[in-house]
Amino acid sequence: MSAQGYKYEVHMHTYEASACGRTPGAEYIAEFKRLGYDGMILTDHFFHGNTRPSRDLPWEDYIDEFCKGYEHAKEEGDRQGFKVFFGWEENHHGDEFLIYGPDKEWLKSHPEIRDADQTEYLEMIHEAGGLVVQAHPFRERGYLTHVHIHPFQCDAMEACNFGNPPYQDAFAYNFCKDRGIIMTSGTDLHDVKNLEPSCAGMVFEKPLESIWDYVAAVKSGKGFTPLIPEERKVITSEMTNTLDMILYDENNIGKNVVLEDIFGKEKKL
């Protein structure tokens, strides 16, 4: 526990389950403890994302392989007295969502999720009591063709992602702030060497004893603070985007928008 409260990382990847992961799950624990964290939530890339296990495996075998990063981290965390919780990150045609709550056994018992469309997928998570957070909603990268913004399909949005340049987080932060959307903050960590310079994470007033404590707290919007540096909060007149943006309504129907549609003609805040 720090002077601020209980600090957790809530968006990160392991070598075992994410094809882009560089650090095995168990090798994160000592560094997180050294830097004063109280716990972490692993969110490896799932079936339609940059996952490492083969999609050709039988479903239960795929889930067993997918959960190894978490299980190795949890075993080492238990040994060192450090909390480790399970989540995942799913991709739907460029939209990426962080999922919290359902566990390994839930995944094994719901193979239909691999064929669900986005609306069906998120409904299944909500029916299970889970939490849906849109990851890095204003991200622009070479693997993406559009920016998809889903204020109604998620319970919260990731307003700070250390893997983003600051301008993308400034757009996300102000989008959420203007609309009263609950915000989270994560490092999007893939390599333990990048943890120390990270600016992101979540600080809670009370310790988290299970993933469901995290789900309940974020859904309530109370009892926590997302760590967002000031330079990632301010939109300046020089900031612009390069990809087409689509904003989705309550029925998950999208329309093309530009920055002025979202923030007004004067973008400098």
Protein backbone atom coordinates (compact mmCIF):
# COMPACT_ATOMS: atom_id res chain seq x y z
CA MET A 1 0.00 0.00 0.00
CA SER A 2 1.25 3.46 -0.94
CA ALA A 3 0.39 6.77 0.71
CA GLN A 4 -2.28 7.18 -1.98
CA GLY A 5 -3.93 3.79 -1.45
CA TYR A 6 -3.69 0.32 -3.01
CA LYS A 7 -2.14 0.32 -6.47
CA TYR A 8 -2.98 -2.20 -9.20
CA GLU A 9 -2.06 -2.73 -12.82
CA VAL A 10 -5.17 -3.68 -14.82
CA HIS A 11 -4.06 -4.12 -18.46
CA MET A 12 -1.05 -6.32 -19.22
CA HIS A 13 0.12 -9.32 -21.22
CA THR A 14 2.27 -12.42 -20.74
CA TYR A 15 4.60 -14.35 -23.00
CA GLU A 16 2.61 -17.55 -22.49
CA ALA A 17 -0.71 -16.30 -23.86
CA SER A 18 -0.13 -13.16 -25.97
CA ALA A 19 1.90 -13.44 -29.16
CA CYS A 20 3.26 -9.95 -28.48
CA GLY A 21 4.08 -10.70 -24.83
CA ARG A 22 7.75 -10.64 -23.85
CA THR A 23 7.72 -11.53 -20.15
CA PRO A 24 6.46 -14.82 -18.65
CA GLY A 25 3.76 -14.29 -16.07
CA ALA A 26 5.79 -15.38 -13.05
CA GLU A 27 8.63 -12.97 -13.89
CA TYR A 28 6.48 -9.89 -13.32
CA ILE A 29 5.89 -10.37 -9.60
CA ALA A 30 9.17 -9.25 -8.04
CA GLU A 31 9.33 -6.04 -10.06
CA PHE A 32 5.74 -5.11 -9.30
CA LYS A 33 6.41 -5.61 -5.59
CA ARG A 34 9.61 -3.57 -5.76
CA LEU A 35 7.73 -0.66 -7.29
CA GLY A 36 5.04 -0.69 -4.62
CA TYR A 37 2.13 -2.32 -6.42
CA ASP A 38 -0.41 -4.33 -4.45
CA GLY A 39 -1.64 -6.48 -7.32
CA MET A 40 -2.22 -6.90 -11.03
CA ILE A 41 -4.83 -8.13 -13.48
CA LEU A 42 -3.62 -10.12 -16.47
CA THR A 43 -5.49 -9.38 -19.69
CA ASP A 44 -3.90 -11.50 -22.40
CA HIS A 45 -5.07 -11.31 -26.00
CA PHE A 46 -7.92 -13.76 -26.46
CA PHE A 47 -9.18 -15.86 -29.36
CA HIS A 48 -9.77 -13.12 -31.97
CA GLY A 49 -6.80 -11.00 -30.94
CA ASN A 50 -3.04 -11.42 -30.96
CA THR A 51 -3.24 -14.67 -29.02
CA ARG A 52 -0.38 -17.16 -28.73
CA PRO A 53 -2.14 -20.54 -28.32
CA SER A 54 -3.22 -22.17 -31.56
CA ARG A 55 -6.84 -21.53 -32.54
CA ASP A 56 -6.83 -25.04 -34.03
CA LEU A 57 -6.76 -26.61 -30.58
CA PRO A 58 -9.95 -28.12 -29.16
CA TRP A 59 -11.72 -25.41 -27.17
CA GLU A 60 -10.89 -26.67 -23.68
CA ASP A 61 -7.26 -27.22 -24.65
CA TYR A 62 -7.09 -23.69 -26.04
CA ILE A 63 -8.43 -22.30 -22.75
CA ASP A 64 -5.91 -24.37 -20.76
CA GLU A 65 -3.06 -22.95 -22.85
CA PHE A 66 -4.48 -19.43 -22.73
CA CYS A 67 -4.65 -19.42 -18.93
CA LYS A 68 -1.04 -20.53 -18.37
CA GLY A 69 0.36 -17.00 -18.16
CA TYR A 70 -2.15 -16.11 -15.47
CA GLU A 71 -1.69 -19.39 -13.62
CA HIS A 72 2.10 -19.08 -13.56
CA ALA A 73 1.82 -15.51 -12.32
CA LYS A 74 -0.79 -16.47 -9.72
CA GLU A 75 1.38 -19.29 -8.37
CA GLU A 76 4.36 -16.95 -7.98
CA GLY A 77 2.16 -14.16 -6.62
CA ASP A 78 0.78 -16.50 -3.97
CA ARG A 79 4.32 -17.48 -3.04
CA GLN A 80 5.37 -13.84 -2.64
CA GLY A 81 2.13 -12.54 -1.10
CA PHE A 82 1.07 -10.55 -4.17
CA LYS A 83 -2.45 -10.44 -5.64
CA VAL A 84 -2.92 -11.68 -9.22
CA PHE A 85 -6.33 -11.66 -10.94
CA PHE A 86 -7.62 -12.93 -14.29
CA GLY A 87 -9.11 -11.05 -17.23
CA TRP A 88 -8.62 -10.94 -20.98
CA GLU A 89 -8.60 -8.62 -23.99
CA GLU A 90 -10.74 -9.42 -27.02
CA ASN A 91 -10.65 -7.96 -30.51
CA HIS A 92 -13.67 -7.47 -32.76
CA HIS A 93 -12.54 -6.15 -36.16
CA GLY A 94 -10.29 -3.52 -34.59
CA ASP A 95 -12.41 -2.85 -31.50
CA GLU A 96 -10.64 -4.12 -28.40
CA PHE A 97 -12.33 -4.68 -25.05
CA LEU A 98 -10.94 -5.62 -21.64
CA ILE A 99 -13.07 -8.26 -19.93
CA TYR A 100 -13.13 -8.82 -16.17
CA GLY A 101 -15.10 -11.23 -14.00
CA PRO A 102 -15.72 -14.54 -15.80
CA ASP A 103 -13.03 -17.13 -15.17
CA LYS A 104 -11.40 -20.13 -16.81
CA GLU A 105 -14.28 -22.47 -16.06
CA TRP A 106 -16.79 -19.97 -17.43
CA LEU A 107 -14.81 -19.78 -20.67
CA LYS A 108 -14.63 -23.55 -20.95
CA SER A 109 -18.39 -23.82 -20.52
CA HIS A 110 -19.14 -21.14 -23.13
CA PRO A 111 -17.45 -22.22 -26.39
CA GLU A 112 -20.15 -20.29 -28.28
CA ILE A 113 -18.36 -17.07 -27.36
CA ARG A 114 -15.76 -17.71 -30.05
CA ASP A 115 -18.45 -17.35 -32.77
CA ALA A 116 -20.45 -14.54 -31.14
CA ASP A 117 -20.62 -11.17 -32.85
CA GLN A 118 -19.65 -8.12 -30.85
CA THR A 119 -23.12 -7.40 -29.47
CA GLU A 120 -23.69 -11.03 -28.50
CA TYR A 121 -20.23 -11.29 -26.95
CA LEU A 122 -20.62 -8.25 -24.71
CA GLU A 123 -24.14 -9.30 -23.74
CA MET A 124 -22.77 -12.66 -22.59
CA ILE A 125 -20.19 -10.94 -20.42
CA HIS A 126 -22.79 -8.66 -18.87
CA GLU A 127 -25.18 -11.56 -18.27
CA ALA A 128 -22.37 -13.24 -16.33
CA GLY A 129 -22.02 -10.09 -14.21
CA GLY A 130 -18.74 -9.12 -15.83
CA LEU A 131 -17.18 -5.76 -16.59
CA VAL A 132 -16.46 -4.48 -20.11
CA VAL A 133 -13.91 -1.70 -20.61
CA GLN A 134 -13.12 -0.36 -24.06
CA ALA A 135 -9.35 -0.47 -24.40
CA HIS A 136 -7.45 2.55 -25.80
CA PRO A 137 -10.56 3.89 -27.62
CA PHE A 138 -8.72 6.55 -29.68
CA ARG A 139 -5.72 4.39 -30.64
CA GLU A 140 -4.23 4.80 -34.11
CA ARG A 141 -1.80 2.14 -35.27
CA GLY A 142 -0.77 0.42 -38.45
CA TYR A 143 -2.94 -2.64 -37.77
CA LEU A 144 -6.07 -0.45 -37.48
CA THR A 145 -8.16 1.11 -40.26
CA HIS A 146 -10.65 3.07 -38.13
CA VAL A 147 -11.14 4.42 -34.64
CA HIS A 148 -14.28 2.84 -33.14
CA ILE A 149 -15.81 4.63 -30.13
CA HIS A 150 -18.34 2.69 -28.03
CA PRO A 151 -19.67 4.77 -25.10
CA PHE A 152 -22.83 2.66 -24.73
CA GLN A 153 -21.46 -0.84 -25.22
CA CYS A 154 -18.98 -0.73 -22.32
CA ASP A 155 -19.11 -0.02 -18.59
CA ALA A 156 -15.99 2.17 -18.67
CA MET A 157 -13.27 3.35 -21.03
CA GLU A 158 -9.51 3.21 -20.73
CA ALA A 159 -8.67 6.92 -20.61
CA CYS A 160 -4.94 6.37 -20.12
CA ASN A 161 -2.89 3.68 -21.83
CA PHE A 162 0.88 3.96 -21.49
CA GLY A 163 1.25 2.25 -24.87
CA ASN A 164 -0.40 5.26 -26.54
CA PRO A 165 1.14 8.60 -27.43
CA PRO A 166 -0.27 11.30 -25.10
CA TYR A 167 -2.62 12.86 -27.68
CA GLN A 168 -4.66 9.66 -27.99
CA ASP A 169 -5.14 9.57 -24.23
CA ALA A 170 -6.04 13.26 -24.18
CA PHE A 171 -8.86 12.54 -26.64
CA ALA A 172 -10.02 9.57 -24.55
CA TYR A 173 -9.85 11.44 -21.24
CA ASN A 174 -11.82 14.43 -22.49
CA PHE A 175 -14.36 12.26 -24.29
CA CYS A 176 -15.04 10.45 -21.00
CA LYS A 177 -14.92 13.59 -18.88
CA ASP A 178 -17.42 15.43 -21.09
CA ARG A 179 -19.88 12.52 -20.96
CA GLY A 180 -19.45 11.28 -17.39
CA ILE A 181 -18.02 7.95 -18.51
CA ILE A 182 -16.10 5.95 -15.90
CA MET A 183 -12.36 5.91 -16.66
CA THR A 184 -9.60 3.35 -16.12
CA SER A 185 -5.85 3.54 -16.63
CA GLY A 186 -3.40 0.78 -17.59
CA THR A 187 0.15 0.30 -18.79
CA ASP A 188 -0.72 -2.22 -21.54
CA LEU A 189 2.46 -3.87 -20.34
CA HIS A 190 4.15 -6.51 -22.50
CA ASP A 191 7.68 -6.40 -21.07
CA VAL A 192 8.55 -6.06 -17.38
CA LYS A 193 11.41 -3.70 -18.31
CA ASN A 194 8.81 -1.07 -19.26
CA LEU A 195 7.01 -1.07 -15.90
CA GLU A 196 9.16 1.40 -13.98
CA PRO A 197 8.78 4.33 -16.43
CA SER A 198 5.03 3.73 -16.74
CA CYS A 199 2.65 6.46 -15.64
CA ALA A 200 -0.50 4.35 -15.52
CA GLY A 201 -2.43 2.14 -13.10
CA MET A 202 -5.34 2.29 -10.67
CA VAL A 203 -5.30 3.27 -6.99
CA PHE A 204 -8.08 1.97 -4.71
CA GLU A 205 -9.17 3.07 -1.27
CA LYS A 206 -9.52 -0.56 -0.17
CA PRO A 207 -7.54 -3.65 -1.16
CA LEU A 208 -8.99 -5.91 -3.83
CA GLU A 209 -9.53 -9.46 -2.63
CA SER A 210 -10.96 -10.84 -5.87
CA ILE A 211 -11.60 -9.84 -9.46
CA TRP A 212 -15.20 -9.23 -8.47
CA ASP A 213 -14.06 -6.45 -6.11
CA TYR A 214 -12.54 -4.77 -9.16
CA VAL A 215 -15.70 -5.30 -11.21
CA ALA A 216 -17.91 -3.83 -8.48
CA ALA A 217 -15.67 -0.84 -7.83
CA VAL A 218 -15.32 0.18 -11.47
CA LYS A 219 -19.02 -0.26 -12.18
CA SER A 220 -19.81 1.95 -9.18
CA GLY A 221 -17.32 4.61 -10.27
CA LYS A 222 -16.33 5.08 -6.61
CA GLY A 223 -13.42 4.24 -4.34
CA PHE A 224 -10.61 4.45 -6.89
CA THR A 225 -8.51 6.86 -8.91
CA PRO A 226 -7.15 6.14 -12.39
CA LEU A 227 -3.59 7.43 -12.68
CA ILE A 228 -3.55 9.88 -15.59
CA PRO A 229 -0.68 12.38 -15.94
CA GLU A 230 -1.65 15.98 -16.64
CA GLU A 231 0.05 15.96 -20.04
CA ARG A 232 -2.32 13.18 -21.09
CA LYS A 233 -5.40 15.21 -20.15
CA VAL A 234 -5.01 18.37 -22.23
CA ILE A 235 -6.02 18.68 -25.88
CA THR A 236 -4.05 21.32 -27.73
CA SER A 237 -4.78 22.91 -31.09
CA GLU A 238 -1.87 20.97 -32.64
CA MET A 239 -3.39 17.58 -31.85
CA THR A 240 -5.16 15.77 -34.65
CA ASN A 241 -6.06 12.26 -35.72
CA THR A 242 -5.24 10.36 -38.90
CA LEU A 243 -7.82 7.54 -39.06
CA ASP A 244 -11.53 7.85 -39.77
CA MET A 245 -13.59 7.75 -36.57
CA ILE A 246 -16.91 5.97 -36.01
CA LEU A 247 -19.08 6.81 -32.99
CA TYR A 248 -21.66 4.18 -31.94
CA ASP A 249 -25.08 4.89 -30.43
CA GLU A 250 -27.19 2.94 -27.91
CA ASN A 251 -28.13 0.42 -30.62
CA ASN A 252 -24.49 -0.09 -31.63
CA ILE A 253 -25.08 1.72 -34.92
CA GLY A 254 -22.12 3.80 -35.96
CA LYS A 255 -21.73 7.06 -37.81
CA ASN A 256 -18.62 8.77 -39.08
CA VAL A 257 -17.48 11.73 -37.01
CA VAL A 258 -14.58 14.17 -36.89
CA LEU A 259 -12.89 15.72 -33.87
CA GLU A 260 -15.05 18.85 -34.07
CA ASP A 261 -18.18 16.69 -33.80
CA ILE A 262 -16.87 15.25 -30.54
CA PHE A 263 -15.13 18.19 -28.90
CA GLY A 264 -16.56 21.24 -30.66
CA LYS A 265 -14.82 23.62 -33.02
CA GLU A 266 -12.38 24.78 -30.36
CA LYS A 267 -10.32 21.70 -29.52
CA LYS A 268 -7.91 23.42 -27.15
CA LEU A 269 -9.14 22.74 -23.62
